[in-house]
Amino acid sequence: MGPGQQYCLGLPMGPGQQYCLGPPMGPGQQYCLGPPMGPGQQYCLGPPMGPGQQYCLGPPMGPGQQYCLGPPMGPGQQYCLGHPIGPGQQYLPSESPYGPWSTVPSGSSSGPWSTVLSGSPYGPWSTVLSGSSYGPWSTVLSGSPYGPWSTVLPYNRNKVHLRHNLYVCSVHTKQDSTDGSHPLVHQASNESRASITESLSEFFDAQEVLLSASSSENEASDDDSYISDNVSDNISMDNFSNETERPNSGKGPLYHVRRRSCLPSASPNTSNISLWNILKNNIGKDLSKVAMPVQLNEPLNTLQRLCEELEYSELLDRAANTQDPFERMVYVATFAVSGYASSYHRAGGKPFNPVLGETYECDRPDKGLRFIAEQVSHHPPISACHADSKNYIFWQDMRWKNKFWGKSMEIVPVGTTHVILPGFGDHYEWNKVTSCIHNILSGQRWIEHYGEISIRNTSTDICQCKVTFIKVRDRGEFVVNEVEGTITDHKGKVIHRLFGKWNEGMYCGDPPSATCIWRANAMPADHEQYYGFTKFAMELNELDPSLKLLLPPTDTRLRLDQRLLEEGNVEAAEEQKQNIEQQQRDRRRVLEENTMTHQPTFFRKSKDDTWVSNNTYWDLRSDPGFAHLDCPVLW
């Protein structure tokens, strides 16, 4: 495409968009020319050596040995494309463009076999094309065999270069759509369930989020487990790399919304803060009433964290376009699990607690949804949210109880999540599981989710679902983040089985015929420096001038303390945080003195004591607009 840039063999989807030669592994996932080794594993152009082993273009030397494109030197010896000197001897450069094997450089296009093509466009398999001009695979569509798409230039036929010895198939540009039927995407697995669960990531390498009393629990790891692809930490991303089209109510042409992919400033250093000094007098207490320094926050709010649970809303779109009720339950259950994925990489920060009356909106035409949330109660803290789409309606009001136990903190959510699929009249509801932050005072913090989610369709008893988040197990090595579930009919017969990891992905069925339902998105480059945010999380607090004119003054994006922390101004953020908290105390005192109670603006209490939308927000936003309304002053 140009000097120092990426090559590709196929046609683009459109200017500045994606190239690829083959079909995807699954919706929004990876493309390649050949079959996969198994769920979450690698594709290549040729057959495999055996279950769970390597693919390549040529025949193997023998069981468990190496593949190549040419004949062998002799029994049990090396393959190459050239001619050998003799049996058991080396190839010379004069005889072969790849020799001698004993000195083939690590960056060679075809060797050395002892490291399985390290640095070549086909290896090494252990890291899937690490260092090659086409890799790593973890960058196909959030990771591509032809380099990160975020840096691919608009298509120019004259600059496309063909690579030798690649068996080029027809170009596939079919994309996922929320308008059609979405059958379960099949991916064969050649590994047993035991080997799957035992090959997962290192236990103490897990990172997590320090959750507050009013927070919600919400990537793939960089291991080579059965679900995750090897995530590259070297993906080059522009500050604005994600363009989405926003409809404008038919009043003119479509325009592009350019969403950021990096925060203005990295997270601050918190090594000088002693959590023990803060928490030692509060063991066993509700931490929602304990003041924390702003450095321990992340520049997101609990209301925005509720919106994060919709990062994989396409699962609900697929459910809404699936005729089989048991398969619909598969997608709904997987959606319930996916909301926990982003908590894995949170580097010890807690979301800001919303003040009473605070709101947050998220309008995402690219995802086909609108979201609104409001803090409807302060003591106890209750956050209510509502999202609507042409395919579904989503809402919940969440309350949390948490306790500090010395070395860990447990967060127990209280409340019910609801999803309605109007096309089928389905109304699903489910609970959330307990979250526990370990090593809260010292060492590497990590998060654990455990308990059982029970999902039922209140409109019919044709099927039910139970999903279990399994507590940490020690099988000689720690096994973490596992999820298992069953979908049963009204007689209790198991129709579908689910398994996976809440931070990586979910599968339906049993190996070797398990179907990949969902994978967590690849993490942005340098995410550790930016609070461990996913790309979706980085977009939640973005504020452009045109949007600012439409928001009510109570919107989270307008909080100065949160905005200042995002910009790296910690001292000013701490000062504003204290001011906002004091203003809330003053407003509460006035209400108490006048025997008044706070009335939420956009939510109402239903008969079962839960909070639901009053369906006024978007109408008021449109006409007369929040600038013409008398809104409370919160900061």
Foldseek 3Di string as FASTA:
>chain_A
DDPPAWADDADAPFFLGDFDQADALFALAFGDQAAALAAQADGDNADALDRPGDGDDADALDRPGDGDDADAQDRPGDGDDWHPPHRPDARDCVTHVQDRLVPRDQCDQQDDRVQCNRNHLQDDRQQCNPNHCQFDQCQGSVTTRGANSLPDGTDDVVPHDDDPPDDGDHTDDDHDDLPAADDFRWHFHRDAPVQQLVQDDADQVWAFEDEAQLADAFADDQHSGNHHHRFDLPHDHDQFRDWDWDDDPPPDDIDIDTFGQDFQAFQDDPPVDFVCVQCVVPFFHRRLPGDDAPSQAALAARLLLVVLLCPVVVLLSNLLNHDDPLVSVVSVVQSLLNGNQLRRQQHRHYHDYAFAQFKAWDDDVRSQKIKIKGFHDVVQTKIKMWMDGPFKIKIKIWGWGWGHHPFKIKIAIDIKIWMAGVVVRWIKIKGAFMKMWGRNRDGRIGMATFDKIKMDTPVDQQKIKIKTQDPWDPPVGIRGQKMKMFMAGNVRHTDWIKIDGSNFFMWIDGHRTITTDDGDRRAHNPCSRNSSGRSVSSRRLDDDPVVVQLDACSYSNNQPLSVCSSNVNSVVSSVSVVVLVVLSVVVVVVCVVVVHDDDHDFWDQDPVRTIDGPPCVVVVSVPPGNVPDDGDDRD
